[in-house]
Amino acid sequence: MKQAVIVAHPNAQSYTLAVANAFAETAAALGGEVVIRDLYRLGFDPCLHADEMPISPQGEVREDVRREREAVGGADLFVLVYPFWINAPPAMLKGYIDRVLGFGFGFGPDNDSLSPRLMGKKLLSITSSGAPRHWVEDTGALAAVRNLFDTHLARVCGLTVVDHLHFGAVTPQMSREAVKRNLDQVRQTATWLNQTDSTI
């Protein structure tokens, strides 16, 4: 199973990168084909340009987008790893979805409408927040992200959402035990996905 791990955090030593690496290393150890797209280290440009818009006469696919689509093309599972900033995904990740996973890849024209192009593929999100998980749940922030980001992206592209792991109270003061516990849960999820047949 090919897995595209798409991670967005400016600090290479961050908890977010540790989560992405824990998933990727576990999946690879179980025989999965894993591609990591570390958007900040790649220097990815998240800004959608006018000539990339579907209504543009040029209909241009820029070279950086072409490279990314080649890298993640054929993935059976897309894993989005990111922190909540102002209770939303970072602009870097949103721009990646706009430019790479959007029109022309995740969905495309079908007569007078649009049709999904990633039917049968799966989506997993792994997120974190500085606020405690219960606060993110009680305020509706987690449900909002799931509805407006996970569910909508999945419906438009034809993906199946397999899970959304969220870890709260991720701060510089969190204990090593808490980090280990969270990473163990990420590894368990990677193990489950890589040991279960493709009917999930």
C-alpha atoms as a PDB file:
ATOM      1  CA  MET A   1       0.000   0.000   0.000  1.00  0.00           C
ATOM      2  CA  LYS A   2       1.397   3.360  -1.022  1.00  0.00           C
ATOM      3  CA  GLN A   3       1.005   6.062   1.608  1.00  0.00           C
ATOM      4  CA  ALA A   4       1.572   9.784   1.130  1.00  0.00           C
ATOM      5  CA  VAL A   5       2.362  11.471   4.449  1.00  0.00           C
ATOM      6  CA  ILE A   6       1.865  15.209   4.003  1.00  0.00           C
ATOM      7  CA  VAL A   7       3.151  17.220   6.961  1.00  0.00           C
ATOM      8  CA  ALA A   8       3.052  20.955   7.639  1.00  0.00           C
ATOM      9  CA  HIS A   9       5.150  22.523  10.386  1.00  0.00           C
ATOM     10  CA  PRO A  10       7.984  25.085  10.093  1.00  0.00           C
ATOM     11  CA  ASN A  11      10.101  23.480  12.827  1.00  0.00           C
ATOM     12  CA  ALA A  12      11.883  20.318  11.720  1.00  0.00           C
ATOM     13  CA  GLN A  13      12.267  19.290  15.383  1.00  0.00           C
ATOM     14  CA  SER A  14       8.588  19.758  16.186  1.00  0.00           C
ATOM     15  CA  TYR A  15       6.143  17.319  17.719  1.00  0.00           C
ATOM     16  CA  THR A  16       4.261  17.396  14.390  1.00  0.00           C
ATOM     17  CA  LEU A  17       7.298  16.101  12.482  1.00  0.00           C
ATOM     18  CA  ALA A  18       7.858  13.441  15.145  1.00  0.00           C
ATOM     19  CA  VAL A  19       4.296  12.240  14.589  1.00  0.00           C
ATOM     20  CA  ALA A  20       4.740  12.124  10.811  1.00  0.00           C
ATOM     21  CA  ASN A  21       8.009  10.218  11.139  1.00  0.00           C
ATOM     22  CA  ALA A  22       6.517   7.746  13.636  1.00  0.00           C
ATOM     23  CA  PHE A  23       3.717   6.914  11.221  1.00  0.00           C
ATOM     24  CA  ALA A  24       6.022   6.696   8.211  1.00  0.00           C
ATOM     25  CA  GLU A  25       8.646   4.535   9.916  1.00  0.00           C
ATOM     26  CA  THR A  26       6.029   2.103  11.233  1.00  0.00           C
ATOM     27  CA  ALA A  27       4.308   1.809   7.862  1.00  0.00           C
ATOM     28  CA  ALA A  28       7.611   1.284   6.062  1.00  0.00           C
ATOM     29  CA  ALA A  29       8.690  -1.373   8.565  1.00  0.00           C
ATOM     30  CA  LEU A  30       5.499  -3.276   7.760  1.00  0.00           C
ATOM     31  CA  GLY A  31       6.252  -3.213   4.057  1.00  0.00           C
ATOM     32  CA  GLY A  32       4.292  -0.137   3.057  1.00  0.00           C
ATOM     33  CA  GLU A  33       5.558   2.205   0.371  1.00  0.00           C
ATOM     34  CA  VAL A  34       5.788   5.596   2.091  1.00  0.00           C
ATOM     35  CA  VAL A  35       6.340   9.015   0.570  1.00  0.00           C
ATOM     36  CA  ILE A  36       6.826  11.940   2.973  1.00  0.00           C
ATOM     37  CA  ARG A  37       6.068  15.432   1.730  1.00  0.00           C
ATOM     38  CA  ASP A  38       7.536  17.803   4.332  1.00  0.00           C
ATOM     39  CA  LEU A  39       6.076  20.992   2.923  1.00  0.00           C
ATOM     40  CA  TYR A  40       8.239  23.535   4.735  1.00  0.00           C
ATOM     41  CA  ARG A  41      11.503  21.709   4.013  1.00  0.00           C
ATOM     42  CA  LEU A  42      10.398  21.400   0.387  1.00  0.00           C
ATOM     43  CA  GLY A  43       9.827  25.142   0.278  1.00  0.00           C
ATOM     44  CA  PHE A  44       6.418  24.514  -1.245  1.00  0.00           C
ATOM     45  CA  ASP A  45       4.617  27.613  -2.537  1.00  0.00           C
ATOM     46  CA  PRO A  46       1.064  27.433  -1.128  1.00  0.00           C
ATOM     47  CA  CYS A  47      -0.282  30.346  -3.185  1.00  0.00           C
ATOM     48  CA  LEU A  48      -2.668  29.408  -5.961  1.00  0.00           C
ATOM     49  CA  HIS A  49      -1.764  31.479  -9.008  1.00  0.00           C
ATOM     50  CA  ALA A  50      -4.224  32.987 -11.445  1.00  0.00           C
ATOM     51  CA  ASP A  51      -3.044  30.823 -14.335  1.00  0.00           C
ATOM     52  CA  GLU A  52      -3.688  27.665 -12.288  1.00  0.00           C
ATOM     53  CA  MET A  53      -7.370  28.369 -11.689  1.00  0.00           C
ATOM     54  CA  PRO A  54      -9.811  26.069 -13.504  1.00  0.00           C
ATOM     55  CA  ILE A  55     -11.413  29.045 -15.275  1.00  0.00           C
ATOM     56  CA  SER A  56      -8.048  30.179 -16.642  1.00  0.00           C
ATOM     57  CA  PRO A  57      -7.727  29.863 -20.441  1.00  0.00           C
ATOM     58  CA  GLN A  58      -4.193  28.515 -19.992  1.00  0.00           C
ATOM     59  CA  GLY A  59      -5.194  25.718 -17.617  1.00  0.00           C
ATOM     60  CA  GLU A  60      -1.532  25.548 -16.634  1.00  0.00           C
ATOM     61  CA  VAL A  61      -0.071  22.991 -14.242  1.00  0.00           C
ATOM     62  CA  ARG A  62       3.104  24.487 -12.834  1.00  0.00           C
ATOM     63  CA  GLU A  63       6.253  22.411 -12.506  1.00  0.00           C
ATOM     64  CA  ASP A  64       6.214  22.299  -8.690  1.00  0.00           C
ATOM     65  CA  VAL A  65       2.630  21.015  -8.744  1.00  0.00           C
ATOM     66  CA  ARG A  66       3.511  18.469 -11.424  1.00  0.00           C
ATOM     67  CA  ARG A  67       6.361  17.158  -9.254  1.00  0.00           C
ATOM     68  CA  GLU A  68       4.108  16.822  -6.232  1.00  0.00           C
ATOM     69  CA  ARG A  69       1.394  15.052  -8.173  1.00  0.00           C
ATOM     70  CA  GLU A  70       3.965  12.600  -9.483  1.00  0.00           C
ATOM     71  CA  ALA A  71       5.262  12.023  -5.936  1.00  0.00           C
ATOM     72  CA  VAL A  72       1.862  11.316  -4.366  1.00  0.00           C
ATOM     73  CA  GLY A  73       0.222   9.831  -7.446  1.00  0.00           C
ATOM     74  CA  GLY A  74      -1.014   6.298  -6.952  1.00  0.00           C
ATOM     75  CA  ALA A  75      -1.222   6.672  -3.177  1.00  0.00           C
ATOM     76  CA  ASP A  76      -3.781   4.412  -1.522  1.00  0.00           C
ATOM     77  CA  LEU A  77      -3.748   6.454   1.681  1.00  0.00           C
ATOM     78  CA  PHE A  78      -3.241  10.173   2.223  1.00  0.00           C
ATOM     79  CA  VAL A  79      -2.086  11.089   5.740  1.00  0.00           C
ATOM     80  CA  LEU A  80      -2.355  14.766   6.684  1.00  0.00           C
ATOM     81  CA  VAL A  81      -0.288  15.730   9.739  1.00  0.00           C
ATOM     82  CA  TYR A  82      -0.629  19.277  11.065  1.00  0.00           C
ATOM     83  CA  PRO A  83      -1.266  21.488  14.100  1.00  0.00           C
ATOM     84  CA  PHE A  84      -4.373  23.561  14.698  1.00  0.00           C
ATOM     85  CA  TRP A  85      -3.558  27.244  14.281  1.00  0.00           C
ATOM     86  CA  ILE A  86      -6.515  29.446  15.212  1.00  0.00           C
ATOM     87  CA  ASN A  87      -8.529  26.206  15.135  1.00  0.00           C
ATOM     88  CA  ALA A  88      -7.753  25.544  11.472  1.00  0.00           C
ATOM     89  CA  PRO A  89      -5.094  23.843   9.315  1.00  0.00           C
ATOM     90  CA  PRO A  90      -1.973  25.892   8.520  1.00  0.00           C
ATOM     91  CA  ALA A  91      -2.119  27.947   5.316  1.00  0.00           C
ATOM     92  CA  MET A  92       0.746  25.843   3.965  1.00  0.00           C
ATOM     93  CA  LEU A  93      -1.392  22.691   4.034  1.00  0.00           C
ATOM     94  CA  LYS A  94      -4.508  24.423   2.711  1.00  0.00           C
ATOM     95  CA  GLY A  95      -2.445  25.762  -0.191  1.00  0.00           C
ATOM     96  CA  TYR A  96      -1.094  22.276  -0.921  1.00  0.00           C
ATOM     97  CA  ILE A  97      -4.608  20.939  -1.163  1.00  0.00           C
ATOM     98  CA  ASP A  98      -5.698  23.869  -3.347  1.00  0.00           C
ATOM     99  CA  ARG A  99      -2.792  23.464  -5.758  1.00  0.00           C
ATOM    100  CA  VAL A 100      -1.905  19.758  -5.667  1.00  0.00           C
ATOM    101  CA  LEU A 101      -4.829  17.686  -4.420  1.00  0.00           C
ATOM    102  CA  GLY A 102      -7.524  19.903  -5.906  1.00  0.00           C
ATOM    103  CA  PHE A 103      -8.738  20.433  -9.444  1.00  0.00           C
ATOM    104  CA  GLY A 104      -7.067  18.191 -11.991  1.00  0.00           C
ATOM    105  CA  PHE A 105      -5.961  15.600  -9.420  1.00  0.00           C
ATOM    106  CA  GLY A 106      -8.538  15.012  -6.691  1.00  0.00           C
ATOM    107  CA  PHE A 107     -11.450  15.953  -8.914  1.00  0.00           C
ATOM    108  CA  GLY A 108     -11.965  17.069 -12.481  1.00  0.00           C
ATOM    109  CA  PRO A 109     -14.470  18.060 -15.135  1.00  0.00           C
ATOM    110  CA  ASP A 110     -17.229  15.678 -16.109  1.00  0.00           C
ATOM    111  CA  ASN A 111     -19.457  17.248 -18.754  1.00  0.00           C
ATOM    112  CA  ASP A 112     -21.164  20.148 -16.956  1.00  0.00           C
ATOM    113  CA  SER A 113     -20.119  19.105 -13.456  1.00  0.00           C
ATOM    114  CA  LEU A 114     -17.147  17.799 -11.495  1.00  0.00           C
ATOM    115  CA  SER A 115     -16.365  14.223 -10.592  1.00  0.00           C
ATOM    116  CA  PRO A 116     -14.056  12.732  -7.945  1.00  0.00           C
ATOM    117  CA  ARG A 117     -10.840  11.076  -9.086  1.00  0.00           C
ATOM    118  CA  LEU A 118      -9.669   9.408  -5.881  1.00  0.00           C
ATOM    119  CA  MET A 119     -12.422   6.864  -5.388  1.00  0.00           C
ATOM    120  CA  GLY A 120     -11.248   3.916  -3.322  1.00  0.00           C
ATOM    121  CA  LYS A 121      -8.425   5.920  -1.723  1.00  0.00           C
ATOM    122  CA  LYS A 122      -8.339   6.718   1.989  1.00  0.00           C
ATOM    123  CA  LEU A 123      -7.728   9.770   4.176  1.00  0.00           C
ATOM    124  CA  LEU A 124      -6.271   9.892   7.678  1.00  0.00           C
ATOM    125  CA  SER A 125      -5.721  13.128   9.586  1.00  0.00           C
ATOM    126  CA  ILE A 126      -3.433  13.440  12.614  1.00  0.00           C
ATOM    127  CA  THR A 127      -3.666  16.807  14.333  1.00  0.00           C
ATOM    128  CA  SER A 128      -2.615  18.542  17.521  1.00  0.00           C
ATOM    129  CA  SER A 129      -3.448  21.628  19.515  1.00  0.00           C
ATOM    130  CA  GLY A 130      -1.994  23.525  22.424  1.00  0.00           C
ATOM    131  CA  ALA A 131      -5.455  23.566  23.987  1.00  0.00           C
ATOM    132  CA  PRO A 132      -6.616  20.435  25.803  1.00  0.00           C
ATOM    133  CA  ARG A 133      -8.562  17.969  23.683  1.00  0.00           C
ATOM    134  CA  HIS A 134     -11.710  18.404  25.780  1.00  0.00           C
ATOM    135  CA  TRP A 135     -11.680  22.161  25.094  1.00  0.00           C
ATOM    136  CA  VAL A 136     -11.266  21.601  21.350  1.00  0.00           C
ATOM    137  CA  GLU A 137     -14.196  19.185  21.457  1.00  0.00           C
ATOM    138  CA  ASP A 138     -16.435  21.264  23.760  1.00  0.00           C
ATOM    139  CA  THR A 139     -16.054  24.417  21.668  1.00  0.00           C
ATOM    140  CA  GLY A 140     -16.891  22.547  18.467  1.00  0.00           C
ATOM    141  CA  ALA A 141     -13.504  23.286  16.890  1.00  0.00           C
ATOM    142  CA  LEU A 142     -12.624  19.648  16.247  1.00  0.00           C
ATOM    143  CA  ALA A 143     -16.032  18.844  14.787  1.00  0.00           C
ATOM    144  CA  ALA A 144     -15.810  21.917  12.550  1.00  0.00           C
ATOM    145  CA  VAL A 145     -12.446  20.860  11.109  1.00  0.00           C
ATOM    146  CA  ARG A 146     -13.712  17.344  10.568  1.00  0.00           C
ATOM    147  CA  ASN A 147     -16.818  18.601   8.769  1.00  0.00           C
ATOM    148  CA  LEU A 148     -15.332  21.426   6.730  1.00  0.00           C
ATOM    149  CA  PHE A 149     -11.946  19.909   5.994  1.00  0.00           C
ATOM    150  CA  ASP A 150     -11.909  16.100   6.299  1.00  0.00           C
ATOM    151  CA  THR A 151     -15.452  15.309   5.226  1.00  0.00           C
ATOM    152  CA  HIS A 152     -15.699  17.913   2.489  1.00  0.00           C
ATOM    153  CA  LEU A 153     -12.309  17.047   0.991  1.00  0.00           C
ATOM    154  CA  ALA A 154     -13.239  13.374   1.076  1.00  0.00           C
ATOM    155  CA  ARG A 155     -16.576  13.916  -0.628  1.00  0.00           C
ATOM    156  CA  VAL A 156     -15.203  16.134  -3.369  1.00  0.00           C
ATOM    157  CA  CYS A 157     -12.297  13.798  -4.144  1.00  0.00           C
ATOM    158  CA  GLY A 158     -14.017  10.474  -3.468  1.00  0.00           C
ATOM    159  CA  LEU A 159     -11.851   9.585  -0.486  1.00  0.00           C
ATOM    160  CA  THR A 160     -12.887   7.471   2.489  1.00  0.00           C
ATOM    161  CA  VAL A 161     -12.061   8.965   5.901  1.00  0.00           C
ATOM    162  CA  VAL A 162     -10.592   6.189   8.038  1.00  0.00           C
ATOM    163  CA  ASP A 163      -9.870   8.242  11.169  1.00  0.00           C
ATOM    164  CA  HIS A 164      -8.892  11.605  12.629  1.00  0.00           C
ATOM    165  CA  LEU A 165      -6.490  11.394  15.560  1.00  0.00           C
ATOM    166  CA  HIS A 166      -6.276  14.581  17.585  1.00  0.00           C
ATOM    167  CA  PHE A 167      -3.847  15.199  20.431  1.00  0.00           C
ATOM    168  CA  GLY A 168      -4.490  18.082  22.788  1.00  0.00           C
ATOM    169  CA  ALA A 169      -2.311  19.906  25.308  1.00  0.00           C
ATOM    170  CA  VAL A 170       0.723  19.726  23.011  1.00  0.00           C
ATOM    171  CA  THR A 171       2.989  22.374  24.486  1.00  0.00           C
ATOM    172  CA  PRO A 172       6.727  22.756  25.189  1.00  0.00           C
ATOM    173  CA  GLN A 173       5.944  21.695  28.765  1.00  0.00           C
ATOM    174  CA  MET A 174       4.372  18.340  27.925  1.00  0.00           C
ATOM    175  CA  SER A 175       6.088  15.360  29.500  1.00  0.00           C
ATOM    176  CA  ARG A 176       8.150  12.778  27.672  1.00  0.00           C
ATOM    177  CA  GLU A 177       5.647  10.185  28.840  1.00  0.00           C
ATOM    178  CA  ALA A 178       2.817  12.085  27.134  1.00  0.00           C
ATOM    179  CA  VAL A 179       4.792  12.361  23.903  1.00  0.00           C
ATOM    180  CA  LYS A 180       5.605   8.651  23.997  1.00  0.00           C
ATOM    181  CA  ARG A 181       1.980   7.750  24.664  1.00  0.00           C
ATOM    182  CA  ASN A 182       0.819   9.812  21.695  1.00  0.00           C
ATOM    183  CA  LEU A 183       3.477   8.436  19.357  1.00  0.00           C
ATOM    184  CA  ASP A 184       2.573   4.902  20.415  1.00  0.00           C
ATOM    185  CA  GLN A 185      -1.024   5.595  19.401  1.00  0.00           C
ATOM    186  CA  VAL A 186       0.173   6.869  16.017  1.00  0.00           C
ATOM    187  CA  ARG A 187       2.247   3.716  15.555  1.00  0.00           C
ATOM    188  CA  GLN A 188      -0.735   1.548  16.505  1.00  0.00           C
ATOM    189  CA  THR A 189      -2.847   3.319  13.887  1.00  0.00           C
ATOM    190  CA  ALA A 190      -0.161   2.839  11.236  1.00  0.00           C
ATOM    191  CA  THR A 191       0.055  -0.835  12.181  1.00  0.00           C
ATOM    192  CA  TRP A 192      -3.719  -1.277  11.959  1.00  0.00           C
ATOM    193  CA  LEU A 193      -3.899   0.338   8.537  1.00  0.00           C
ATOM    194  CA  ASN A 194      -0.971  -1.651   7.165  1.00  0.00           C
ATOM    195  CA  GLN A 195      -2.046  -5.011   8.543  1.00  0.00           C
ATOM    196  CA  THR A 196      -5.694  -4.767   7.541  1.00  0.00           C
ATOM    197  CA  ASP A 197      -6.831  -5.651   4.053  1.00  0.00           C
ATOM    198  CA  SER A 198      -7.832  -3.025   1.526  1.00  0.00           C
ATOM    199  CA  THR A 199     -11.535  -3.271   2.359  1.00  0.00           C
ATOM    200  CA  ILE A 200     -11.200  -0.667   5.159  1.00  0.00           C
END
